[in-house]
Every structure is written in C-alpha cells, then in structure tokens.
Amino acid sequence: MKKLLLLLTLLLPIAATASTEELFGSWGSVFLSGNIKNTKALYYLEGSARATDNPKSTNDPGFDVHGLVGRAGLGYQFNDNNKVIVGYAYQYGEPPYAGKELNEQRAWQQHEYKINLANSDTLTFRSRLEERTVDISDDTGVRFREQAKYNH
C-alpha cells in the first residue's frame, strides 16, 4: 500500500502538467479614482487590456489583444476608513482567455475598509459583489470577491 501511495504521489504532478498550455502574455491596467470637487462623493474609473503572443492570424505574428475591461463607478466616503462604490463594468473576451468570443456586463457594489499603520503604511480590505451577464447565456452569475492590499 505504501508503494502504491508513493507511486501515485510521484505520478500525480506528471498527470497534472500533461494538459497544460504555454501562453505568454501581459495585462495592463489604468486606474483613476478620487473625490469629486472636495466632497465626500467619489469616482472610480478602470481600463484594462490583456494581450498574448497567440496571434489572431498567421499574417500577424506579434502580440494581439484578446481581452478588454472597462469599469466605472460612483461612491461615497463615510470617513477616512470607510467608503462604498457602485458601478458598471463591461468585459470583452476571446480565446485564449475565454472559450469563445463573449461580451459581459457587470453591475457591482463594493465596500473598502482602510487601516492606517505605522509610518503612513496602510492595509485596505475590499469586498465586492458582482452580478454578471454574458451575451451567450440568459443566466446571471453572482460573484463575491475579496481583496487585501498593503501599501508601504
């Protein structure tokens, strides 16, 4: 029994890597956020693009964009440590990032809580709820996401 367990332990990583695909790419993003005219009202804008070395055609051997994300939101700053933002996002994806070409719409809501640490370091926790619909389905998916960020 111990020999069988040892053999499975040694072969499992080989089986797990047998179906992997190598894909080189990059993901660039731009974020803009801040207060609206010295009030507690907030704005949030995000734009992202994913590119890979997986060409769309044999005539184009360079990098091609296979995914785009645009996100916009408005929010309210309750105090120095708490804020909420609600918004809309659009995401376009195609292979290799999606099984087939799709257009996704997302409504989202988030809460951010910031803890001030020593030496102006901060620790921020973000909780985001997204309601997602895609053009290839009639369903709506709901996803809850958490993020922790440390700034030094």
N, C-alpha and C. Protein backbone atom coordinates (compact mmCIF):
# COMPACT_ATOMS: atom_id res chain seq x y z
N MET A 1 0.82 -1.20 0.00
CA MET A 1 0.00 0.00 0.00
C MET A 1 0.87 1.26 0.00
N LYS A 2 1.96 1.25 0.79
CA LYS A 2 2.84 2.41 0.84
C LYS A 2 3.50 2.64 -0.52
N LYS A 3 3.85 1.55 -1.23
CA LYS A 3 4.47 1.69 -2.55
C LYS A 3 3.48 2.30 -3.54
N LEU A 4 2.22 1.88 -3.48
CA LEU A 4 1.19 2.44 -4.37
C LEU A 4 0.99 3.92 -4.09
N LEU A 5 0.94 4.29 -2.82
CA LEU A 5 0.79 5.70 -2.46
C LEU A 5 1.98 6.52 -2.93
N LEU A 6 3.20 5.98 -2.79
CA LEU A 6 4.39 6.67 -3.25
C LEU A 6 4.36 6.83 -4.77
N LEU A 7 3.95 5.78 -5.50
CA LEU A 7 3.87 5.85 -6.95
C LEU A 7 2.85 6.89 -7.40
N LEU A 8 1.68 6.93 -6.77
CA LEU A 8 0.67 7.94 -7.11
C LEU A 8 1.17 9.35 -6.81
N THR A 9 1.88 9.52 -5.71
CA THR A 9 2.42 10.82 -5.35
C THR A 9 3.44 11.30 -6.39
N LEU A 10 4.23 10.40 -6.92
CA LEU A 10 5.22 10.76 -7.93
C LEU A 10 4.60 11.01 -9.29
N LEU A 11 3.54 10.27 -9.65
CA LEU A 11 2.93 10.41 -10.97
C LEU A 11 1.90 11.52 -11.05
N LEU A 12 1.33 11.94 -9.95
CA LEU A 12 0.30 12.97 -9.96
C LEU A 12 0.78 14.28 -10.58
N PRO A 13 1.97 14.80 -10.24
CA PRO A 13 2.41 16.03 -10.90
C PRO A 13 2.59 15.88 -12.40
N ILE A 14 3.00 14.70 -12.87
CA ILE A 14 3.15 14.47 -14.31
C ILE A 14 1.79 14.51 -14.98
N ALA A 15 0.79 13.88 -14.39
CA ALA A 15 -0.56 13.89 -14.96
C ALA A 15 -1.16 15.29 -14.95
N ALA A 16 -0.85 16.06 -13.92
CA ALA A 16 -1.42 17.40 -13.81
C ALA A 16 -0.83 18.35 -14.85
N THR A 17 0.42 18.13 -15.24
CA THR A 17 1.05 19.03 -16.21
C THR A 17 0.91 18.53 -17.64
N ALA A 18 0.35 17.38 -17.85
CA ALA A 18 0.27 16.82 -19.20
C ALA A 18 -0.65 17.64 -20.10
N SER A 19 -1.65 18.31 -19.55
CA SER A 19 -2.59 19.03 -20.39
C SER A 19 -2.41 20.55 -20.31
N THR A 20 -1.31 21.02 -19.78
CA THR A 20 -1.11 22.46 -19.69
C THR A 20 -0.72 23.04 -21.04
N GLU A 21 -1.06 24.31 -21.22
CA GLU A 21 -0.73 25.02 -22.45
C GLU A 21 0.11 26.23 -22.08
N GLU A 22 1.21 26.43 -22.78
CA GLU A 22 2.04 27.59 -22.52
C GLU A 22 1.46 28.79 -23.25
N LEU A 23 1.35 29.88 -22.52
CA LEU A 23 0.78 31.09 -23.08
C LEU A 23 1.51 32.27 -22.45
N PHE A 24 2.17 33.06 -23.27
CA PHE A 24 2.86 34.24 -22.77
C PHE A 24 2.00 35.46 -23.07
N GLY A 25 1.82 36.29 -22.09
CA GLY A 25 1.01 37.47 -22.31
C GLY A 25 1.24 38.51 -21.23
N SER A 26 0.53 39.61 -21.35
CA SER A 26 0.61 40.66 -20.34
C SER A 26 -0.76 41.28 -20.15
N TRP A 27 -0.93 41.91 -19.00
CA TRP A 27 -2.18 42.54 -18.66
C TRP A 27 -1.84 43.94 -18.15
N GLY A 28 -2.27 44.96 -18.88
CA GLY A 28 -2.01 46.33 -18.48
C GLY A 28 -3.28 46.99 -18.01
N SER A 29 -3.18 47.80 -16.97
CA SER A 29 -4.36 48.46 -16.41
C SER A 29 -4.06 49.91 -16.06
N VAL A 30 -5.10 50.73 -16.12
CA VAL A 30 -5.04 52.12 -15.69
C VAL A 30 -6.20 52.34 -14.73
N PHE A 31 -5.92 52.94 -13.57
CA PHE A 31 -6.93 53.20 -12.56
C PHE A 31 -6.94 54.69 -12.23
N LEU A 32 -8.11 55.27 -12.16
CA LEU A 32 -8.29 56.66 -11.73
C LEU A 32 -9.38 56.68 -10.68
N SER A 33 -9.10 57.32 -9.55
CA SER A 33 -10.13 57.42 -8.52
C SER A 33 -9.84 58.64 -7.66
N GLY A 34 -10.89 59.15 -7.04
CA GLY A 34 -10.71 60.30 -6.17
C GLY A 34 -12.02 60.91 -5.75
N ASN A 35 -11.92 62.03 -5.06
CA ASN A 35 -13.10 62.76 -4.61
C ASN A 35 -13.56 63.72 -5.70
N ILE A 36 -14.86 63.95 -5.75
CA ILE A 36 -15.43 64.88 -6.71
C ILE A 36 -15.53 66.25 -6.05
N LYS A 37 -14.72 67.20 -6.51
CA LYS A 37 -14.73 68.60 -6.06
C LYS A 37 -14.77 68.77 -4.55
N ASN A 38 -13.84 68.14 -3.85
CA ASN A 38 -13.68 68.28 -2.40
C ASN A 38 -14.95 67.93 -1.62
N THR A 39 -15.72 66.97 -2.10
CA THR A 39 -16.89 66.47 -1.37
C THR A 39 -16.60 65.04 -0.94
N LYS A 40 -17.58 64.41 -0.32
CA LYS A 40 -17.44 63.00 0.05
C LYS A 40 -17.86 62.08 -1.08
N ALA A 41 -18.31 62.66 -2.21
CA ALA A 41 -18.65 61.87 -3.39
C ALA A 41 -17.36 61.41 -4.08
N LEU A 42 -17.37 60.18 -4.60
CA LEU A 42 -16.18 59.57 -5.21
C LEU A 42 -16.45 59.16 -6.65
N TYR A 43 -15.38 59.09 -7.44
CA TYR A 43 -15.45 58.49 -8.78
C TYR A 43 -14.40 57.40 -8.86
N TYR A 44 -14.63 56.42 -9.73
CA TYR A 44 -13.70 55.31 -9.93
C TYR A 44 -13.76 54.93 -11.41
N LEU A 45 -12.61 54.91 -12.07
CA LEU A 45 -12.52 54.50 -13.47
C LEU A 45 -11.37 53.51 -13.62
N GLU A 46 -11.59 52.48 -14.43
CA GLU A 46 -10.57 51.45 -14.65
C GLU A 46 -10.64 51.00 -16.10
N GLY A 47 -9.49 50.82 -16.70
CA GLY A 47 -9.40 50.26 -18.04
C GLY A 47 -8.27 49.24 -18.07
N SER A 48 -8.53 48.07 -18.63
CA SER A 48 -7.53 47.00 -18.70
C SER A 48 -7.56 46.35 -20.06
N ALA A 49 -6.40 45.88 -20.48
CA ALA A 49 -6.28 45.12 -21.73
C ALA A 49 -5.37 43.93 -21.49
N ARG A 50 -5.75 42.78 -22.05
CA ARG A 50 -4.93 41.57 -21.99
C ARG A 50 -4.43 41.26 -23.40
N ALA A 51 -3.14 41.03 -23.51
CA ALA A 51 -2.56 40.69 -24.81
C ALA A 51 -1.72 39.43 -24.66
N THR A 52 -1.66 38.64 -25.72
CA THR A 52 -0.87 37.42 -25.71
C THR A 52 -0.05 37.32 -27.00
N ASP A 53 0.88 36.38 -26.98
CA ASP A 53 1.64 36.09 -28.19
C ASP A 53 0.92 35.06 -29.05
N ASN A 54 -0.35 34.83 -28.78
CA ASN A 54 -1.18 33.92 -29.55
C ASN A 54 -1.83 34.74 -30.67
N PRO A 55 -1.25 34.74 -31.88
CA PRO A 55 -1.75 35.62 -32.94
C PRO A 55 -3.13 35.23 -33.43
N LYS A 56 -3.90 36.25 -33.84
CA LYS A 56 -5.23 36.01 -34.40
C LYS A 56 -5.13 35.45 -35.80
N SER A 57 -4.03 35.69 -36.48
CA SER A 57 -3.84 35.14 -37.83
C SER A 57 -2.35 34.86 -38.03
N THR A 58 -2.04 34.03 -39.02
CA THR A 58 -0.64 33.71 -39.30
C THR A 58 0.08 34.89 -39.93
N ASN A 59 -0.65 35.88 -40.43
CA ASN A 59 -0.03 37.08 -41.01
C ASN A 59 0.38 38.08 -39.94
N ASP A 60 0.00 37.84 -38.70
CA ASP A 60 0.26 38.77 -37.62
C ASP A 60 0.96 38.04 -36.47
N PRO A 61 2.28 37.91 -36.52
CA PRO A 61 2.98 37.11 -35.51
C PRO A 61 3.20 37.80 -34.18
N GLY A 62 2.82 39.06 -34.01
CA GLY A 62 3.08 39.79 -32.77
C GLY A 62 2.01 39.58 -31.72
N PHE A 63 2.00 40.47 -30.75
CA PHE A 63 1.01 40.42 -29.67
C PHE A 63 -0.34 40.89 -30.18
N ASP A 64 -1.40 40.25 -29.71
CA ASP A 64 -2.77 40.64 -30.04
C ASP A 64 -3.58 40.79 -28.77
N VAL A 65 -4.48 41.75 -28.76
CA VAL A 65 -5.37 41.96 -27.61
C VAL A 65 -6.50 40.94 -27.68
N HIS A 66 -6.70 40.22 -26.59
CA HIS A 66 -7.74 39.18 -26.51
C HIS A 66 -8.75 39.45 -25.41
N GLY A 67 -8.56 40.52 -24.65
CA GLY A 67 -9.50 40.83 -23.59
C GLY A 67 -9.43 42.30 -23.21
N LEU A 68 -10.59 42.89 -22.96
CA LEU A 68 -10.70 44.29 -22.55
C LEU A 68 -11.67 44.39 -21.38
N VAL A 69 -11.37 45.27 -20.44
CA VAL A 69 -12.27 45.53 -19.31
C VAL A 69 -12.37 47.03 -19.12
N GLY A 70 -13.60 47.54 -19.00
CA GLY A 70 -13.85 48.93 -18.64
C GLY A 70 -14.77 48.95 -17.44
N ARG A 71 -14.42 49.73 -16.43
CA ARG A 71 -15.22 49.76 -15.20
C ARG A 71 -15.36 51.21 -14.76
N ALA A 72 -16.57 51.62 -14.39
CA ALA A 72 -16.81 52.97 -13.89
C ALA A 72 -17.74 52.88 -12.68
N GLY A 73 -17.51 53.76 -11.71
CA GLY A 73 -18.35 53.74 -10.53
C GLY A 73 -18.39 55.08 -9.82
N LEU A 74 -19.43 55.24 -9.01
CA LEU A 74 -19.59 56.41 -8.15
C LEU A 74 -19.77 55.92 -6.72
N GLY A 75 -19.28 56.70 -5.77
CA GLY A 75 -19.36 56.23 -4.40
C GLY A 75 -19.44 57.35 -3.40
N TYR A 76 -19.30 56.96 -2.14
CA TYR A 76 -19.39 57.90 -1.03
C TYR A 76 -18.36 57.52 0.03
N GLN A 77 -17.62 58.52 0.51
CA GLN A 77 -16.60 58.34 1.55
C GLN A 77 -17.22 58.68 2.89
N PHE A 78 -17.53 57.66 3.71
CA PHE A 78 -18.16 57.90 5.01
C PHE A 78 -17.22 58.57 6.00
N ASN A 79 -15.99 58.09 6.04
CA ASN A 79 -14.95 58.67 6.89
C ASN A 79 -13.60 58.28 6.28
N ASP A 80 -12.52 58.54 6.99
CA ASP A 80 -11.19 58.24 6.43
C ASP A 80 -10.98 56.75 6.18
N ASN A 81 -11.76 55.91 6.83
CA ASN A 81 -11.51 54.47 6.75
C ASN A 81 -12.57 53.69 5.97
N ASN A 82 -13.71 54.26 5.68
CA ASN A 82 -14.81 53.51 5.05
C ASN A 82 -15.35 54.23 3.82
N LYS A 83 -15.52 53.47 2.73
CA LYS A 83 -16.17 54.01 1.54
C LYS A 83 -16.90 52.90 0.81
N VAL A 84 -17.95 53.30 0.09
CA VAL A 84 -18.70 52.37 -0.76
C VAL A 84 -18.72 52.93 -2.17
N ILE A 85 -18.70 52.03 -3.14
CA ILE A 85 -18.76 52.41 -4.55
C ILE A 85 -19.68 51.43 -5.27
N VAL A 86 -20.52 51.94 -6.17
CA VAL A 86 -21.36 51.10 -7.03
C VAL A 86 -21.05 51.47 -8.47
N GLY A 87 -21.18 50.49 -9.36
CA GLY A 87 -20.84 50.82 -10.74
C GLY A 87 -21.22 49.76 -11.74
N TYR A 88 -20.69 49.96 -12.93
CA TYR A 88 -20.95 49.11 -14.09
C TYR A 88 -19.61 48.75 -14.73
N ALA A 89 -19.52 47.54 -15.24
CA ALA A 89 -18.31 47.11 -15.95
C ALA A 89 -18.71 46.38 -17.23
N TYR A 90 -17.87 46.55 -18.23
CA TYR A 90 -18.02 45.83 -19.49
C TYR A 90 -16.73 45.04 -19.71
N GLN A 91 -16.88 43.78 -20.09
CA GLN A 91 -15.71 42.97 -20.37
C GLN A 91 -15.90 42.24 -21.69
N TYR A 92 -14.88 42.33 -22.54
CA TYR A 92 -14.85 41.59 -23.80
C TYR A 92 -13.76 40.54 -23.68
N GLY A 93 -14.06 39.34 -24.11
CA GLY A 93 -13.06 38.28 -24.08
C GLY A 93 -13.17 37.38 -25.29
N GLU A 94 -12.04 36.82 -25.67
CA GLU A 94 -11.99 35.86 -26.77
C GLU A 94 -10.87 34.88 -26.46
N PRO A 95 -10.83 33.74 -27.17
CA PRO A 95 -9.75 32.79 -26.91
C PRO A 95 -8.39 33.47 -27.05
N PRO A 96 -7.45 33.16 -26.21
CA PRO A 96 -7.41 32.06 -25.26
C PRO A 96 -7.95 32.38 -23.87
N TYR A 97 -8.40 33.62 -23.62
CA TYR A 97 -8.90 33.98 -22.29
C TYR A 97 -10.34 33.55 -22.06
N ALA A 98 -11.07 33.30 -23.10
CA ALA A 98 -12.45 32.82 -22.99
C ALA A 98 -12.60 31.66 -23.97
N GLY A 99 -13.53 30.77 -23.70
CA GLY A 99 -13.76 29.63 -24.59
C GLY A 99 -14.16 30.05 -25.99
N LYS A 100 -14.95 31.12 -26.08
CA LYS A 100 -15.31 31.73 -27.36
C LYS A 100 -15.57 33.20 -27.12
N GLU A 101 -15.72 33.96 -28.18
CA GLU A 101 -15.91 35.40 -28.05
C GLU A 101 -17.14 35.70 -27.20
N LEU A 102 -16.99 36.61 -26.24
CA LEU A 102 -18.13 36.97 -25.40
C LEU A 102 -18.07 38.42 -24.97
N ASN A 103 -19.24 38.96 -24.70
CA ASN A 103 -19.41 40.30 -24.17
C ASN A 103 -20.12 40.16 -22.83
N GLU A 104 -19.51 40.70 -21.79
CA GLU A 104 -20.04 40.53 -20.44
C GLU A 104 -20.39 41.88 -19.84
N GLN A 105 -21.52 41.95 -19.18
CA GLN A 105 -21.98 43.15 -18.48
C GLN A 105 -21.97 42.83 -16.98
N ARG A 106 -21.47 43.76 -16.17
CA ARG A 106 -21.42 43.53 -14.73
C ARG A 106 -21.91 44.75 -13.97
N ALA A 107 -22.86 44.55 -13.10
CA ALA A 107 -23.18 45.56 -12.09
C ALA A 107 -22.37 45.16 -10.86
N TRP A 108 -21.84 46.12 -10.13
CA TRP A 108 -21.02 45.77 -8.97
C TRP A 108 -21.18 46.79 -7.85
N GLN A 109 -20.97 46.31 -6.63
CA GLN A 109 -21.03 47.13 -5.43
C GLN A 109 -19.84 46.71 -4.57
N GLN A 110 -19.20 47.68 -3.93
CA GLN A 110 -18.06 47.32 -3.08
C GLN A 110 -17.97 48.22 -1.87
N HIS A 111 -17.36 47.66 -0.83
CA HIS A 111 -17.05 48.38 0.40
C HIS A 111 -15.55 48.25 0.63
N GLU A 112 -14.91 49.36 0.97
CA GLU A 112 -13.48 49.34 1.30
C GLU A 112 -13.29 49.84 2.72
N TYR A 113 -12.44 49.12 3.45
CA TYR A 113 -12.10 49.49 4.82
C TYR A 113 -10.59 49.61 4.91
N LYS A 114 -10.10 50.78 5.32
CA LYS A 114 -8.66 51.04 5.38
C LYS A 114 -8.21 51.18 6.82
N ILE A 115 -7.08 50.52 7.13
CA ILE A 115 -6.47 50.61 8.45
C ILE A 115 -5.14 51.34 8.29
N ASN A 116 -4.97 52.43 9.02
CA ASN A 116 -3.71 53.17 9.00
C ASN A 116 -2.73 52.52 9.96
N LEU A 117 -1.54 52.21 9.44
CA LEU A 117 -0.50 51.57 10.23
C LEU A 117 0.63 52.57 10.50
N ALA A 118 1.69 52.13 11.11
CA ALA A 118 2.82 53.00 11.42
C ALA A 118 3.51 53.46 10.14
N ASN A 119 4.17 54.60 10.20
CA ASN A 119 4.97 55.15 9.09
C ASN A 119 4.15 55.36 7.83
N SER A 120 2.92 55.75 7.94
CA SER A 120 1.98 56.00 6.82
C SER A 120 1.70 54.78 5.96
N ASP A 121 2.00 53.59 6.46
CA ASP A 121 1.60 52.35 5.78
C ASP A 121 0.11 52.15 5.97
N THR A 122 -0.53 51.49 5.01
CA THR A 122 -1.97 51.20 5.13
C THR A 122 -2.25 49.76 4.74
N LEU A 123 -3.32 49.24 5.30
CA LEU A 123 -3.84 47.93 4.95
C LEU A 123 -5.30 48.13 4.59
N THR A 124 -5.67 47.77 3.35
CA THR A 124 -7.03 48.01 2.86
C THR A 124 -7.69 46.68 2.53
N PHE A 125 -8.93 46.51 2.96
CA PHE A 125 -9.72 45.33 2.64
C PHE A 125 -10.88 45.76 1.76
N ARG A 126 -11.08 45.06 0.65
CA ARG A 126 -12.17 45.38 -0.26
C ARG A 126 -13.07 44.15 -0.41
N SER A 127 -14.37 44.36 -0.27
CA SER A 127 -15.37 43.32 -0.52
C SER A 127 -16.22 43.79 -1.70
N ARG A 128 -16.30 42.98 -2.75
CA ARG A 128 -17.04 43.37 -3.96
C ARG A 128 -18.04 42.28 -4.33
N LEU A 129 -19.26 42.70 -4.66
CA LEU A 129 -20.30 41.81 -5.16
C LEU A 129 -20.55 42.17 -6.61
N GLU A 130 -20.51 41.18 -7.51
CA GLU A 130 -20.73 41.41 -8.94
C GLU A 130 -21.89 40.57 -9.43
N GLU A 131 -22.75 41.16 -10.24
CA GLU A 131 -23.82 40.45 -10.92
C GLU A 131 -23.45 40.46 -12.40
N ARG A 132 -23.22 39.27 -12.97
CA ARG A 132 -22.63 39.15 -14.30
C ARG A 132 -23.59 38.50 -15.30
N THR A 133 -23.72 39.12 -16.47
CA THR A 133 -24.47 38.52 -17.57
C THR A 133 -23.57 38.53 -18.81
N VAL A 134 -23.69 37.49 -19.62
CA VAL A 134 -22.93 37.40 -20.86
C VAL A 134 -23.88 37.21 -22.03
N ASP A 135 -23.44 37.62 -23.19
CA ASP A 135 -24.32 37.58 -24.37
C ASP A 135 -24.56 36.16 -24.90
N ILE A 136 -23.84 35.17 -24.41
CA ILE A 136 -24.03 33.80 -24.90
C ILE A 136 -24.89 32.97 -23.95
N SER A 137 -25.51 33.63 -22.94
CA SER A 137 -26.33 32.92 -21.97
C SER A 137 -27.42 33.85 -21.44
N ASP A 138 -28.52 33.26 -20.98
CA ASP A 138 -29.59 34.04 -20.36
C ASP A 138 -29.45 34.11 -18.84
N ASP A 139 -28.45 33.42 -18.30
CA ASP A 139 -28.26 33.37 -16.85
C ASP A 139 -27.53 34.61 -16.34
N THR A 140 -27.71 34.87 -15.05
CA THR A 140 -26.96 35.90 -14.34
C THR A 140 -26.15 35.21 -13.26
N GLY A 141 -24.85 35.45 -13.28
CA GLY A 141 -23.98 34.89 -12.26
C GLY A 141 -23.69 35.92 -11.20
N VAL A 142 -23.59 35.49 -9.97
CA VAL A 142 -23.27 36.38 -8.86
C VAL A 142 -21.95 35.92 -8.27
N ARG A 143 -21.03 36.86 -8.10
CA ARG A 143 -19.71 36.51 -7.58
C ARG A 143 -19.33 37.50 -6.48
N PHE A 144 -18.84 36.96 -5.36
CA PHE A 144 -18.35 37.76 -4.25
C PHE A 144 -16.84 37.67 -4.24
N ARG A 145 -16.17 38.83 -4.22
CA ARG A 145 -14.72 38.86 -4.30
C ARG A 145 -14.15 39.65 -3.13
N GLU A 146 -13.02 39.18 -2.62
CA GLU A 146 -12.32 39.83 -1.52
C GLU A 146 -10.92 40.21 -1.98
N GLN A 147 -10.43 41.35 -1.50
CA GLN A 147 -9.06 41.75 -1.79
C GLN A 147 -8.47 42.38 -0.54
N ALA A 148 -7.22 42.05 -0.26
CA ALA A 148 -6.45 42.70 0.80
C ALA A 148 -5.24 43.36 0.14
N LYS A 149 -4.98 44.63 0.50
CA LYS A 149 -3.88 45.36 -0.14
C LYS A 149 -3.07 46.08 0.94
N TYR A 150 -1.77 45.90 0.87
CA TYR A 150 -0.85 46.57 1.80
C TYR A 150 -0.06 47.61 1.03
N ASN A 151 -0.06 48.85 1.50
CA ASN A 151 0.72 49.93 0.88
C ASN A 151 1.81 50.37 1.82
N HIS A 152 3.02 50.44 1.30
CA HIS A 152 4.18 50.86 2.09
C HIS A 152 4.76 52.13 1.49
